[in-house]
Structure formats: structure tokens, C-alpha cells
Protein backbone atom coordinates (compact mmCIF):
# COMPACT_ATOMS: atom_id res chain seq x y z
CA MET A 1 52.94 161.14 153.91
CA GLY A 2 54.19 164.70 153.78
CA ILE A 3 55.67 164.63 157.27
CA ASP A 4 57.66 161.50 156.43
CA ARG A 5 59.35 163.06 153.43
CA ALA A 6 59.93 166.38 155.20
CA VAL A 7 61.68 164.71 158.15
CA THR A 8 63.77 162.44 155.93
CA GLU A 9 64.82 165.35 153.71
CA PHE A 10 65.79 167.40 156.76
CA PHE A 11 68.18 164.74 158.04
CA ALA A 12 69.57 164.01 154.59
CA ASP A 13 70.34 167.72 154.15
CA HIS A 14 72.01 168.08 157.57
CA ARG A 15 74.33 165.08 157.67
CA SER A 16 77.95 165.38 158.73
CA ALA A 17 80.73 162.82 158.63
CA HIS A 18 81.12 162.60 162.42
CA LEU A 19 77.39 162.44 163.10
CA THR A 20 76.92 159.79 160.43
CA ASP A 21 79.63 157.64 162.02
CA LEU A 22 77.87 158.03 165.37
CA MET A 23 74.51 157.07 163.89
CA TRP A 24 76.00 153.92 162.32
CA SER A 25 77.23 152.94 165.78
CA VAL A 26 73.82 153.63 167.31
CA THR A 27 71.92 151.74 164.62
CA TRP A 28 74.23 148.73 165.18
CA LEU A 29 72.55 148.30 168.57
CA GLY A 30 69.32 147.38 166.81
CA ASN A 31 70.83 145.04 164.22
CA ALA A 32 69.41 141.52 164.13
CA SER A 33 72.73 139.96 165.16
CA THR A 34 73.15 142.36 168.09
CA LEU A 35 69.62 141.68 169.32
CA HIS A 36 70.16 137.94 168.88
CA TRP A 37 73.22 137.87 171.14
CA ALA A 38 71.55 140.22 173.61
CA MET A 39 68.64 137.78 173.82
CA ILE A 40 70.99 134.88 174.52
CA GLY A 41 72.86 136.83 177.19
CA LEU A 42 69.71 138.04 178.91
CA ALA A 43 68.06 134.62 178.82
CA ALA A 44 71.19 133.02 180.26
CA THR A 45 71.27 135.64 183.02
CA THR A 46 67.69 134.91 184.03
CA LEU A 47 68.42 131.18 184.16
CA VAL A 48 71.43 131.77 186.39
CA LEU A 49 69.17 133.86 188.64
CA GLY A 50 66.71 130.98 188.80
CA ARG A 51 63.94 132.67 186.81
CA PRO A 52 62.87 130.21 184.10
CA PHE A 53 59.63 132.04 183.33
CA GLN A 54 61.53 135.22 182.60
CA ALA A 55 64.00 133.28 180.46
CA ALA A 56 61.10 131.95 178.41
CA ALA A 57 59.65 135.45 178.17
CA VAL A 58 62.96 136.79 176.84
CA VAL A 59 63.15 134.19 174.07
CA VAL A 60 59.47 134.43 173.13
CA GLY A 61 59.63 138.21 173.25
CA MET A 62 62.64 138.63 171.00
CA VAL A 63 61.83 135.87 168.51
CA GLY A 64 58.23 137.01 168.38
CA ALA A 65 59.22 140.63 167.77
CA SER A 66 61.32 139.61 164.79
CA ASP A 67 58.59 137.42 163.34
CA ILE A 68 55.84 139.99 163.87
CA SER A 69 57.92 142.77 162.35
CA GLY A 70 58.77 140.68 159.31
CA SER A 71 55.17 139.59 158.80
CA ILE A 72 53.85 143.14 158.95
CA LYS A 73 56.56 144.29 156.54
CA ASP A 74 55.49 141.69 154.00
CA LEU A 75 51.81 142.44 154.55
CA VAL A 76 52.11 146.22 154.18
CA GLY A 77 54.84 146.17 151.52
CA ARG A 78 55.95 149.76 152.02
CA ASP A 79 59.07 150.85 150.17
CA ARG A 80 62.01 152.37 151.99
CA PRO A 81 63.24 155.90 151.25
CA GLY A 82 65.02 156.19 147.91
CA SER A 83 68.75 156.13 147.25
CA GLU A 84 68.89 159.93 147.36
CA PHE A 85 68.20 159.73 151.10
CA ARG A 86 70.28 156.68 152.09
CA ALA A 87 73.69 156.89 153.71
CA GLY A 88 74.55 153.29 152.80
CA ASP A 89 73.67 150.29 150.68
CA ALA A 90 70.10 149.37 149.80
CA LEU A 91 68.15 146.76 151.78
CA SER A 92 65.81 144.24 150.21
CA SER A 93 63.25 144.21 153.03
CA TYR A 94 60.30 146.55 153.31
CA ALA A 95 60.16 149.61 155.54
CA PHE A 96 57.03 149.39 157.73
CA PRO A 97 57.53 148.95 160.64
CA SER A 98 61.12 149.60 161.70
CA GLY A 99 62.47 146.26 162.89
CA HIS A 100 65.39 147.96 164.65
CA THR A 101 63.03 150.13 166.67
CA MET A 102 60.62 147.34 167.50
CA GLY A 103 63.38 144.94 168.48
CA MET A 104 65.12 147.48 170.69
CA THR A 105 61.82 148.46 172.33
CA VAL A 106 61.15 144.85 173.23
CA LEU A 107 64.73 144.25 174.40
CA VAL A 108 64.68 147.29 176.68
CA GLY A 109 61.32 146.17 178.08
CA LEU A 110 62.70 142.72 178.80
CA VAL A 111 65.81 144.14 180.47
CA LEU A 112 63.57 146.27 182.68
CA MET A 113 61.45 143.22 183.51
CA VAL A 114 64.52 141.30 184.64
CA ALA A 115 66.09 144.21 186.52
CA TRP A 116 62.91 145.60 188.10
CA ARG A 117 63.20 143.55 191.27
CA SER A 118 66.72 144.89 191.87
CA LEU A 119 65.66 148.51 191.34
CA ARG A 120 64.34 149.12 194.83
CA THR A 121 63.58 152.84 194.69
CA ASP A 122 61.25 154.85 192.49
CA ARG A 123 64.17 157.04 191.48
CA ALA A 124 66.19 154.06 190.29
CA ARG A 125 63.24 152.74 188.32
CA ARG A 126 62.49 156.07 186.72
CA THR A 127 66.15 156.43 185.78
CA ALA A 128 66.24 152.96 184.22
CA VAL A 129 63.06 153.62 182.23
CA GLY A 130 64.43 156.98 181.11
CA LEU A 131 67.73 155.50 179.95
CA GLY A 132 65.91 152.74 178.13
CA ALA A 133 63.69 155.26 176.38
CA VAL A 134 66.74 157.25 175.28
CA VAL A 135 68.31 154.13 173.74
CA VAL A 136 65.12 153.22 171.87
CA LEU A 137 64.62 156.75 170.57
CA ALA A 138 68.28 156.98 169.55
CA VAL A 139 68.04 153.77 167.53
CA GLY A 140 64.83 154.93 165.89
CA LEU A 141 66.34 158.32 165.08
CA SER A 142 69.39 156.66 163.55
CA ARG A 143 67.18 154.74 161.14
CA ILE A 144 65.61 157.97 159.88
CA TYR A 145 68.91 159.84 159.81
CA LEU A 146 70.60 157.13 157.75
CA GLY A 147 67.71 157.11 155.30
CA TYR A 148 66.45 153.55 155.88
CA HIS A 149 63.08 154.39 157.39
CA TRP A 150 60.39 157.00 157.33
CA LEU A 151 59.26 158.65 160.57
CA THR A 152 56.03 156.66 160.64
CA ASP A 153 57.98 153.40 160.25
CA VAL A 154 59.83 154.20 163.45
CA LEU A 155 56.69 155.27 165.31
CA ALA A 156 54.96 152.07 164.23
CA GLY A 157 57.94 150.01 165.40
CA LEU A 158 57.74 151.71 168.78
CA CYS A 159 53.99 151.14 169.13
CA PHE A 160 54.11 147.51 168.02
CA GLY A 161 57.07 146.93 170.32
CA LEU A 162 55.26 148.36 173.33
CA LEU A 163 52.15 146.30 172.62
CA TRP A 164 54.17 143.12 172.20
CA ILE A 165 56.32 143.56 175.30
CA ALA A 166 53.21 144.31 177.38
CA THR A 167 51.61 141.11 176.07
CA VAL A 168 54.71 139.01 176.76
CA VAL A 169 55.26 140.31 180.29
CA ALA A 170 51.59 139.96 181.23
CA SER A 171 51.48 136.42 179.82
CA ALA A 172 54.67 135.39 181.62
CA ARG A 173 53.30 136.73 184.88
CA GLY A 174 49.99 134.93 184.37
CA VAL A 175 51.67 131.61 183.65
CA LYS A 176 53.93 132.01 186.67
CA LEU A 177 50.92 132.68 188.92
CA GLN A 178 49.14 129.60 187.57
CA TRP A 179 52.15 127.42 188.24
CA ALA A 180 52.56 128.86 191.74
CA ALA A 181 48.89 128.26 192.57
CA ALA A 182 49.03 124.74 191.17
CA ALA A 183 52.18 123.88 193.11
CA GLU A 184 50.70 125.24 196.33
CA ARG A 185 47.39 123.39 196.11
CA GLY A 186 48.45 120.29 194.23
CA TRP A 187 48.40 119.94 190.47
CA SER A 188 45.27 117.79 190.37
CA GLU A 189 43.24 120.44 192.19
CA VAL A 190 43.71 123.18 189.58
CA PRO A 191 41.54 122.67 186.47
CA ALA A 192 43.02 124.46 183.49
CA THR A 193 39.70 126.18 182.75
CA VAL A 194 39.42 127.88 186.16
CA PRO A 195 40.89 131.40 186.38
CA VAL A 196 43.94 131.52 188.61
CA ARG A 197 42.54 134.55 190.43
CA GLN A 198 39.92 132.29 191.98
CA TYR A 199 42.67 130.33 193.69
CA LEU A 200 44.58 133.41 194.78
CA SER A 201 41.62 135.30 196.24
């Protein structure tokens, strides 16, 4: 796409040593190893807080994001920007979508899920969402700046990440409600085929 090349060329033509160093630091936040350890830390935190459903959501969310991103990359098979745009070594994986962006989007969403109960005011919640958005956008921007992704790769990573985190959070909440209803009424009284809303109404 024309916009992809135009954006990539703009950043390649306006690099500086200091800004490039900064972007390498930012992009490190979305590296697979960084996200892996963040997942472990967040899952452990939720277990300490006594929230097993959230712990499961963290693991499913992060592992699923990696698997989904990799599967779409292989399915689409889109090449990354050429060596004339890259600020570092070549990568063997495909470009679409940006795994860094998708992974960071999901991680930020999971952090917000865990922290939401402690953010008691609308101002605190808006601030947390705003800071999370800045981190995600910074990681996505770093991927374009460093020449590893096109703009549409990053936008796709953001969209897929938002869809996946919404699915994970909604599913975790639904399972938790089913377990709560079953525990309250007795496990034998809750057929698996009956919607949980019927028991909560």
C-alpha cells in the first residue's frame, strides 16, 4: 500500500542516533521474552490476590495472542520492509500483523483487568487507560521507525489485540459467574446447557 511505504520512508529518512536508541528500548517492551516474563509476573500477582480466574485469563490471553499472531503471519505471508528501511538485522518471520503491538495490547488490557478493582475513581481509570494506550502506541511506532513493520501491520496488531483481549476478559467473567452461580445453588442444580443469566436473574 502507498501509505505503508510513505510512512516507512518518512521514518527511515528522519532517524537520529539518540532517537534510534530510544526506539530500541521501547520495542524491547514488546519482545517475546519481555512479554513472557510479564505474563508470569502478572499471573503470579493475581494468584497471590486470590483471583484464579484472572490468572487463567492472563495465561490464556498472552499465550493465545502469540499463537494467533504467528498463525496469521504464516497465513498472510506478508514480507517485512526491505533492508534499506531496517535499523537492525533481518527477521525470518512475516510482517502481518505486528506481534509486538498485539502482545502489548493484550498485556495492557490484562493489567487493566487486574488493576480495575483498585482504580476506584473515573479519573484514575481514565489515566490508567491513557497510559496504557501510550505504551501500546509507542511500541507500535517503534516497530515502524526501526523498519520491521509497515503501518498496516501495526494497525492490524492493535485491532487483533483488542478483539482478543475483549474475548478473553468476557470469557473469564462468564466462567467466573457460572462457577459462582453453581457454588451458590449446588453443583448438581446447574445444568451446563442452561445460561447462567437464568440463575442470576
